[in-house]
N, C-alpha and C. Protein backbone atom coordinates (compact mmCIF):
# COMPACT_ATOMS: atom_id res chain seq x y z
N MET A 1 0.83 -1.19 0.00
CA MET A 1 0.00 0.00 0.00
C MET A 1 0.86 1.25 0.00
N LYS A 2 1.88 1.25 0.86
CA LYS A 2 2.77 2.41 0.96
C LYS A 2 3.51 2.61 -0.36
N LYS A 3 3.90 1.49 -1.00
CA LYS A 3 4.63 1.55 -2.27
C LYS A 3 3.72 2.15 -3.36
N ALA A 4 2.47 1.75 -3.40
CA ALA A 4 1.52 2.28 -4.38
C ALA A 4 1.30 3.77 -4.17
N PHE A 5 1.18 4.18 -2.91
CA PHE A 5 0.99 5.60 -2.58
C PHE A 5 2.20 6.41 -3.05
N THR A 6 3.40 5.89 -2.81
CA THR A 6 4.63 6.57 -3.23
C THR A 6 4.68 6.70 -4.75
N MET A 7 4.28 5.66 -5.46
CA MET A 7 4.28 5.70 -6.93
C MET A 7 3.30 6.75 -7.45
N VAL A 8 2.14 6.86 -6.80
CA VAL A 8 1.15 7.86 -7.20
C VAL A 8 1.72 9.26 -6.99
N ILE A 9 2.38 9.50 -5.88
CA ILE A 9 2.98 10.80 -5.60
C ILE A 9 4.05 11.14 -6.64
N VAL A 10 4.91 10.18 -6.97
CA VAL A 10 5.96 10.39 -7.96
C VAL A 10 5.34 10.68 -9.33
N LEU A 11 4.33 9.92 -9.70
CA LEU A 11 3.65 10.13 -10.98
C LEU A 11 3.02 11.51 -11.05
N MET A 12 2.35 11.94 -9.98
CA MET A 12 1.73 13.27 -9.96
C MET A 12 2.80 14.36 -10.06
N ALA A 13 3.92 14.19 -9.39
CA ALA A 13 5.01 15.18 -9.45
C ALA A 13 5.53 15.29 -10.89
N CYS A 14 5.66 14.16 -11.56
CA CYS A 14 6.12 14.17 -12.96
C CYS A 14 5.12 14.90 -13.85
N ILE A 15 3.85 14.63 -13.66
CA ILE A 15 2.82 15.28 -14.47
C ILE A 15 2.83 16.78 -14.25
N PHE A 16 2.86 17.22 -12.99
CA PHE A 16 2.83 18.65 -12.70
C PHE A 16 4.09 19.35 -13.16
N SER A 17 5.25 18.69 -13.09
CA SER A 17 6.48 19.34 -13.55
C SER A 17 6.47 19.46 -15.06
N THR A 18 5.88 18.49 -15.77
CA THR A 18 5.76 18.59 -17.23
C THR A 18 4.83 19.72 -17.60
N ILE A 19 3.70 19.84 -16.92
CA ILE A 19 2.76 20.92 -17.22
C ILE A 19 3.40 22.28 -16.95
N ALA A 20 4.10 22.40 -15.83
CA ALA A 20 4.73 23.68 -15.50
C ALA A 20 5.80 24.02 -16.52
N HIS A 21 6.60 23.04 -16.94
CA HIS A 21 7.67 23.30 -17.90
C HIS A 21 7.11 23.62 -19.28
N ALA A 22 6.04 22.97 -19.67
CA ALA A 22 5.50 23.13 -21.02
C ALA A 22 5.00 24.53 -21.29
N GLY A 23 4.54 25.25 -20.30
CA GLY A 23 3.93 26.54 -20.54
C GLY A 23 4.78 27.73 -20.21
N GLU A 24 6.10 27.59 -20.17
CA GLU A 24 6.96 28.69 -19.77
C GLU A 24 7.30 29.60 -20.95
N PHE A 25 6.78 30.79 -20.94
CA PHE A 25 7.14 31.79 -21.94
C PHE A 25 8.14 32.74 -21.33
N LYS A 26 9.15 33.09 -22.08
CA LYS A 26 10.13 34.07 -21.64
C LYS A 26 10.11 35.23 -22.63
N VAL A 27 10.08 36.44 -22.09
CA VAL A 27 10.13 37.62 -22.94
C VAL A 27 11.53 37.72 -23.53
N TYR A 28 11.59 37.96 -24.82
CA TYR A 28 12.87 38.14 -25.50
C TYR A 28 13.63 39.27 -24.79
N PRO A 29 14.94 39.08 -24.50
CA PRO A 29 15.68 40.03 -23.67
C PRO A 29 15.62 41.50 -24.11
N ASP A 30 15.65 41.80 -25.39
CA ASP A 30 15.66 43.20 -25.83
C ASP A 30 14.28 43.67 -26.31
N ALA A 31 13.23 42.98 -25.90
CA ALA A 31 11.87 43.36 -26.33
C ALA A 31 11.17 44.15 -25.23
N SER A 32 10.25 45.00 -25.68
CA SER A 32 9.42 45.74 -24.72
C SER A 32 7.96 45.61 -25.15
N ALA A 33 7.08 45.67 -24.17
CA ALA A 33 5.65 45.53 -24.44
C ALA A 33 5.16 46.74 -25.24
N ASP A 34 4.32 46.47 -26.22
CA ASP A 34 3.67 47.52 -27.01
C ASP A 34 2.22 47.57 -26.54
N GLU A 35 1.94 48.48 -25.63
CA GLU A 35 0.61 48.53 -25.00
C GLU A 35 -0.50 48.84 -26.01
N LYS A 36 -0.25 49.73 -26.95
CA LYS A 36 -1.26 50.09 -27.95
C LYS A 36 -1.61 48.88 -28.83
N ALA A 37 -0.59 48.19 -29.30
CA ALA A 37 -0.83 47.01 -30.15
C ALA A 37 -1.51 45.90 -29.36
N THR A 38 -1.13 45.73 -28.09
CA THR A 38 -1.74 44.72 -27.24
C THR A 38 -3.23 45.02 -27.07
N GLU A 39 -3.55 46.27 -26.81
CA GLU A 39 -4.95 46.67 -26.64
C GLU A 39 -5.76 46.41 -27.91
N GLU A 40 -5.19 46.75 -29.07
CA GLU A 40 -5.87 46.51 -30.35
C GLU A 40 -6.08 45.02 -30.59
N ALA A 41 -5.07 44.22 -30.31
CA ALA A 41 -5.17 42.77 -30.53
C ALA A 41 -6.24 42.15 -29.66
N ASN A 42 -6.36 42.62 -28.43
CA ASN A 42 -7.36 42.05 -27.52
C ASN A 42 -8.77 42.51 -27.85
N LYS A 43 -8.91 43.62 -28.55
CA LYS A 43 -10.24 44.08 -28.98
C LYS A 43 -10.84 43.11 -30.00
N ILE A 44 -9.98 42.52 -30.81
CA ILE A 44 -10.47 41.64 -31.87
C ILE A 44 -10.22 40.16 -31.58
N SER A 45 -9.93 39.82 -30.30
CA SER A 45 -9.63 38.42 -29.97
C SER A 45 -10.83 37.53 -30.25
N LEU A 46 -10.55 36.28 -30.46
CA LEU A 46 -11.56 35.31 -30.85
C LEU A 46 -12.53 35.02 -29.71
N GLY A 47 -13.62 35.76 -29.66
CA GLY A 47 -14.64 35.53 -28.64
C GLY A 47 -14.12 35.72 -27.23
N HIS A 48 -13.07 36.50 -27.10
CA HIS A 48 -12.46 36.79 -25.81
C HIS A 48 -11.94 35.53 -25.11
N THR A 49 -11.69 34.47 -25.88
CA THR A 49 -11.11 33.26 -25.29
C THR A 49 -9.59 33.27 -25.41
N ILE A 50 -9.05 34.20 -26.18
CA ILE A 50 -7.62 34.31 -26.36
C ILE A 50 -7.18 35.71 -25.96
N THR A 51 -6.17 35.78 -25.11
CA THR A 51 -5.60 37.08 -24.77
C THR A 51 -4.23 37.18 -25.42
N SER A 52 -3.89 38.38 -25.82
CA SER A 52 -2.62 38.61 -26.51
C SER A 52 -1.81 39.68 -25.81
N THR A 53 -0.51 39.54 -25.93
CA THR A 53 0.43 40.57 -25.50
C THR A 53 1.43 40.71 -26.64
N ILE A 54 1.66 41.94 -27.07
CA ILE A 54 2.56 42.21 -28.18
C ILE A 54 3.83 42.86 -27.65
N TYR A 55 4.97 42.30 -28.06
CA TYR A 55 6.27 42.85 -27.74
C TYR A 55 6.96 43.23 -29.04
N THR A 56 7.84 44.21 -28.98
CA THR A 56 8.61 44.59 -30.17
C THR A 56 10.08 44.74 -29.79
N THR A 57 10.93 44.53 -30.79
CA THR A 57 12.37 44.68 -30.61
C THR A 57 12.98 45.17 -31.92
N LYS A 58 14.11 45.84 -31.81
CA LYS A 58 14.85 46.28 -32.99
C LYS A 58 15.76 45.18 -33.50
N ASP A 59 15.88 44.08 -32.76
CA ASP A 59 16.73 42.97 -33.17
C ASP A 59 16.14 42.29 -34.41
N SER A 60 17.00 41.59 -35.13
CA SER A 60 16.57 40.95 -36.38
C SER A 60 15.60 39.80 -36.12
N PHE A 61 14.81 39.51 -37.12
CA PHE A 61 13.88 38.38 -37.10
C PHE A 61 14.64 37.10 -36.77
N GLU A 62 15.77 36.88 -37.44
CA GLU A 62 16.55 35.66 -37.27
C GLU A 62 17.06 35.50 -35.84
N LYS A 63 17.49 36.59 -35.22
CA LYS A 63 18.00 36.53 -33.85
C LYS A 63 16.88 36.17 -32.86
N VAL A 64 15.69 36.73 -33.07
CA VAL A 64 14.55 36.43 -32.19
C VAL A 64 14.12 34.98 -32.37
N VAL A 65 14.05 34.52 -33.61
CA VAL A 65 13.68 33.12 -33.88
C VAL A 65 14.68 32.17 -33.23
N ALA A 66 15.96 32.47 -33.32
CA ALA A 66 16.99 31.61 -32.71
C ALA A 66 16.79 31.52 -31.19
N PHE A 67 16.43 32.62 -30.55
CA PHE A 67 16.18 32.62 -29.11
C PHE A 67 15.04 31.67 -28.76
N TYR A 68 13.93 31.75 -29.47
CA TYR A 68 12.76 30.93 -29.14
C TYR A 68 12.93 29.46 -29.56
N LYS A 69 13.80 29.17 -30.53
CA LYS A 69 14.06 27.77 -30.88
C LYS A 69 14.65 27.02 -29.71
N GLY A 70 15.29 27.74 -28.79
CA GLY A 70 15.88 27.10 -27.63
C GLY A 70 14.90 26.79 -26.51
N ILE A 71 13.68 27.37 -26.57
CA ILE A 71 12.75 27.18 -25.44
C ILE A 71 11.34 26.74 -25.84
N ALA A 72 11.07 26.64 -27.13
CA ALA A 72 9.73 26.23 -27.58
C ALA A 72 9.85 25.43 -28.87
N ARG A 73 8.76 24.82 -29.27
CA ARG A 73 8.74 24.01 -30.49
C ARG A 73 8.21 24.86 -31.65
N GLU A 74 9.00 24.94 -32.71
CA GLU A 74 8.57 25.71 -33.87
C GLU A 74 7.43 24.97 -34.58
N TYR A 75 6.44 25.74 -35.01
CA TYR A 75 5.30 25.19 -35.74
C TYR A 75 5.31 25.77 -37.14
N LYS A 76 5.26 24.90 -38.13
CA LYS A 76 5.22 25.33 -39.53
C LYS A 76 3.78 25.33 -40.00
N MET A 77 3.33 26.46 -40.49
CA MET A 77 1.97 26.57 -41.02
C MET A 77 1.84 25.68 -42.25
N PRO A 78 0.82 24.85 -42.31
CA PRO A 78 0.63 24.01 -43.48
C PRO A 78 0.52 24.85 -44.75
N GLY A 79 1.25 24.45 -45.78
CA GLY A 79 1.20 25.15 -47.07
C GLY A 79 2.07 26.40 -47.13
N GLN A 80 2.74 26.76 -46.03
CA GLN A 80 3.54 27.99 -46.02
C GLN A 80 5.04 27.75 -46.17
N GLU A 81 5.48 26.50 -46.00
CA GLU A 81 6.92 26.23 -46.06
C GLU A 81 7.47 26.57 -47.44
N GLY A 82 8.56 27.32 -47.44
CA GLY A 82 9.21 27.71 -48.69
C GLY A 82 8.54 28.85 -49.41
N LEU A 83 7.39 29.28 -48.93
CA LEU A 83 6.65 30.36 -49.56
C LEU A 83 7.24 31.71 -49.12
N VAL A 84 7.56 32.56 -50.07
CA VAL A 84 8.05 33.90 -49.76
C VAL A 84 6.90 34.86 -49.96
N ARG A 85 6.51 35.51 -48.85
CA ARG A 85 5.41 36.47 -48.91
C ARG A 85 5.99 37.87 -48.95
N LYS A 86 5.41 38.72 -49.77
CA LYS A 86 5.89 40.09 -49.88
C LYS A 86 4.75 41.07 -49.69
N LEU A 87 5.10 42.20 -49.09
CA LEU A 87 4.15 43.30 -48.94
C LEU A 87 4.04 44.03 -50.28
N PRO A 88 3.01 44.84 -50.46
CA PRO A 88 2.87 45.59 -51.72
C PRO A 88 4.11 46.42 -52.06
N SER A 89 4.88 46.82 -51.05
CA SER A 89 6.11 47.59 -51.28
C SER A 89 7.23 46.73 -51.84
N GLY A 90 7.07 45.39 -51.80
CA GLY A 90 8.11 44.47 -52.24
C GLY A 90 8.92 43.91 -51.09
N GLN A 91 8.76 44.47 -49.88
CA GLN A 91 9.49 44.00 -48.71
C GLN A 91 8.99 42.61 -48.32
N GLU A 92 9.91 41.71 -47.99
CA GLU A 92 9.56 40.36 -47.58
C GLU A 92 8.91 40.38 -46.20
N LEU A 93 7.85 39.62 -46.04
CA LEU A 93 7.16 39.46 -44.76
C LEU A 93 7.60 38.12 -44.18
N LYS A 94 8.30 38.18 -43.04
CA LYS A 94 8.80 36.97 -42.40
C LYS A 94 7.93 36.67 -41.18
N GLU A 95 7.57 35.38 -41.03
CA GLU A 95 6.75 34.94 -39.89
C GLU A 95 7.25 33.59 -39.40
N ALA A 96 7.21 33.41 -38.09
CA ALA A 96 7.52 32.12 -37.48
C ALA A 96 6.59 31.93 -36.29
N TYR A 97 6.23 30.69 -36.02
CA TYR A 97 5.31 30.37 -34.92
C TYR A 97 5.98 29.37 -33.99
N PHE A 98 5.73 29.53 -32.68
CA PHE A 98 6.26 28.62 -31.68
C PHE A 98 5.17 28.26 -30.68
N ILE A 99 5.13 26.98 -30.33
CA ILE A 99 4.14 26.47 -29.37
C ILE A 99 4.86 26.12 -28.07
N PHE A 100 4.26 26.53 -26.94
CA PHE A 100 4.87 26.34 -25.63
C PHE A 100 4.23 25.21 -24.82
N ASP A 101 3.36 24.44 -25.42
CA ASP A 101 2.79 23.29 -24.72
C ASP A 101 2.88 22.08 -25.64
N GLU A 102 2.23 21.02 -25.29
CA GLU A 102 2.33 19.78 -26.05
C GLU A 102 1.34 19.69 -27.21
N ALA A 103 0.65 20.79 -27.53
CA ALA A 103 -0.35 20.79 -28.60
C ALA A 103 0.31 20.48 -29.95
N ARG A 104 -0.46 19.88 -30.83
CA ARG A 104 0.07 19.54 -32.14
C ARG A 104 -0.02 20.68 -33.13
N ASP A 105 -0.91 21.66 -32.86
CA ASP A 105 -1.07 22.80 -33.77
C ASP A 105 -1.55 24.03 -32.99
N LEU A 106 -1.67 25.15 -33.69
CA LEU A 106 -2.07 26.39 -33.02
C LEU A 106 -3.51 26.35 -32.53
N LEU A 107 -4.38 25.64 -33.23
CA LEU A 107 -5.79 25.58 -32.82
C LEU A 107 -5.98 24.89 -31.48
N SER A 108 -5.10 23.95 -31.16
CA SER A 108 -5.24 23.24 -29.89
C SER A 108 -4.25 23.73 -28.83
N ALA A 109 -3.37 24.64 -29.19
CA ALA A 109 -2.38 25.15 -28.24
C ALA A 109 -3.01 26.11 -27.24
N LYS A 110 -2.49 26.10 -26.04
CA LYS A 110 -2.93 27.03 -25.01
C LYS A 110 -2.03 28.26 -24.96
N LEU A 111 -0.77 28.11 -25.41
CA LEU A 111 0.18 29.21 -25.38
C LEU A 111 1.09 29.11 -26.60
N TRP A 112 1.09 30.16 -27.42
CA TRP A 112 1.93 30.17 -28.61
C TRP A 112 2.32 31.60 -28.93
N ILE A 113 3.33 31.74 -29.80
CA ILE A 113 3.74 33.07 -30.24
C ILE A 113 3.88 33.10 -31.76
N LYS A 114 3.77 34.30 -32.28
CA LYS A 114 4.05 34.57 -33.69
C LYS A 114 5.12 35.65 -33.71
N ILE A 115 6.21 35.38 -34.41
CA ILE A 115 7.27 36.35 -34.60
C ILE A 115 7.14 36.86 -36.02
N GLN A 116 7.19 38.18 -36.20
CA GLN A 116 6.97 38.76 -37.53
C GLN A 116 7.89 39.95 -37.76
N HIS A 117 8.37 40.05 -38.99
CA HIS A 117 9.15 41.21 -39.42
C HIS A 117 8.80 41.49 -40.87
N PRO A 118 8.45 42.71 -41.22
CA PRO A 118 8.29 43.88 -40.35
C PRO A 118 7.02 43.78 -39.52
N CYS A 119 6.92 44.66 -38.56
CA CYS A 119 5.73 44.73 -37.71
C CYS A 119 4.64 45.49 -38.46
N ILE A 120 3.47 44.88 -38.56
CA ILE A 120 2.33 45.52 -39.22
C ILE A 120 1.32 45.89 -38.14
N GLY A 121 1.09 47.18 -37.99
CA GLY A 121 0.21 47.66 -36.93
C GLY A 121 -1.25 47.37 -37.17
N ARG A 122 -1.70 47.51 -38.40
CA ARG A 122 -3.12 47.30 -38.71
C ARG A 122 -3.27 46.76 -40.13
N VAL A 123 -4.32 45.99 -40.32
CA VAL A 123 -4.68 45.52 -41.65
C VAL A 123 -6.16 45.84 -41.85
N GLU A 124 -6.45 46.60 -42.86
CA GLU A 124 -7.84 46.89 -43.21
C GLU A 124 -8.12 46.24 -44.55
N MET A 125 -9.32 45.77 -44.73
CA MET A 125 -9.68 45.10 -45.97
C MET A 125 -10.43 46.04 -46.90
N GLU A 126 -10.04 46.03 -48.17
CA GLU A 126 -10.80 46.70 -49.22
C GLU A 126 -11.30 45.58 -50.11
N GLY A 127 -12.52 45.16 -49.86
CA GLY A 127 -13.04 43.97 -50.53
C GLY A 127 -12.27 42.78 -50.02
N LEU A 128 -11.61 42.07 -50.92
CA LEU A 128 -10.80 40.91 -50.52
C LEU A 128 -9.31 41.24 -50.45
N THR A 129 -8.97 42.51 -50.65
CA THR A 129 -7.57 42.92 -50.67
C THR A 129 -7.16 43.54 -49.33
N PRO A 130 -6.14 42.98 -48.68
CA PRO A 130 -5.68 43.58 -47.42
C PRO A 130 -4.87 44.84 -47.68
N LYS A 131 -5.09 45.86 -46.86
CA LYS A 131 -4.31 47.10 -46.91
C LYS A 131 -3.54 47.18 -45.60
N PHE A 132 -2.22 47.07 -45.70
CA PHE A 132 -1.36 47.08 -44.52
C PHE A 132 -1.05 48.51 -44.11
N GLN A 133 -1.18 48.78 -42.81
CA GLN A 133 -0.93 50.13 -42.30
C GLN A 133 -0.02 50.05 -41.09
N ASP A 134 0.65 51.15 -40.82
CA ASP A 134 1.56 51.25 -39.67
C ASP A 134 2.63 50.16 -39.75
N ILE A 135 3.31 50.08 -40.89
CA ILE A 135 4.38 49.10 -41.09
C ILE A 135 5.67 49.69 -40.51
N ARG A 136 6.26 48.96 -39.55
CA ARG A 136 7.48 49.43 -38.90
C ARG A 136 8.59 48.41 -39.09
N ASN A 137 9.80 48.88 -39.32
CA ASN A 137 10.94 48.02 -39.57
C ASN A 137 11.52 47.48 -38.27
N ILE A 138 10.69 46.78 -37.53
CA ILE A 138 11.06 46.13 -36.26
C ILE A 138 10.46 44.73 -36.26
N THR A 139 10.86 43.94 -35.29
CA THR A 139 10.34 42.58 -35.15
C THR A 139 9.32 42.56 -34.03
N SER A 140 8.16 41.95 -34.31
CA SER A 140 7.13 41.84 -33.27
C SER A 140 7.03 40.39 -32.79
N ILE A 141 6.67 40.26 -31.52
CA ILE A 141 6.45 38.96 -30.89
C ILE A 141 5.05 39.02 -30.30
N SER A 142 4.12 38.30 -30.90
CA SER A 142 2.73 38.28 -30.43
C SER A 142 2.51 37.02 -29.61
N VAL A 143 2.26 37.20 -28.33
CA VAL A 143 2.03 36.08 -27.42
C VAL A 143 0.54 35.87 -27.31
N SER A 144 0.06 34.68 -27.59
CA SER A 144 -1.36 34.35 -27.51
C SER A 144 -1.57 33.25 -26.49
N GLU A 145 -2.54 33.48 -25.60
CA GLU A 145 -2.84 32.51 -24.56
C GLU A 145 -4.33 32.25 -24.53
N ARG A 146 -4.68 30.97 -24.66
CA ARG A 146 -6.09 30.57 -24.61
C ARG A 146 -6.50 30.40 -23.17
N LYS A 147 -7.64 31.01 -22.82
CA LYS A 147 -8.15 30.93 -21.43
C LYS A 147 -8.78 29.60 -21.17
């Protein structure tokens, strides 16, 4: 009986340590919170089940991606691998996604980030055509957490 109780305690400790480790987000060292962008993102969140925090940094997209590769699992959007996306100005739009839990994709993840360069402040639609506004030559880190 005592042995079974000990095994249950050890098993529970393993489960809780995995859960605690899986959801650890770290703010990129040279990033700062963008309160205006965070407020805008949360206004349009999906039924208020997802909260967002937006950080920005002057560091390169590649440097930020390298930092998060060390602490989270990179997620490749289906159909996006090898695709080069460009803004109407011709500037390349770089995006990377990272999942901080054991989810297999973004739809089932509880905590994930999107890294993007350049930072696009707003997108308005003209019919089916997106119009990008407030484009800044910085890297953004959008943290999304499902409640």
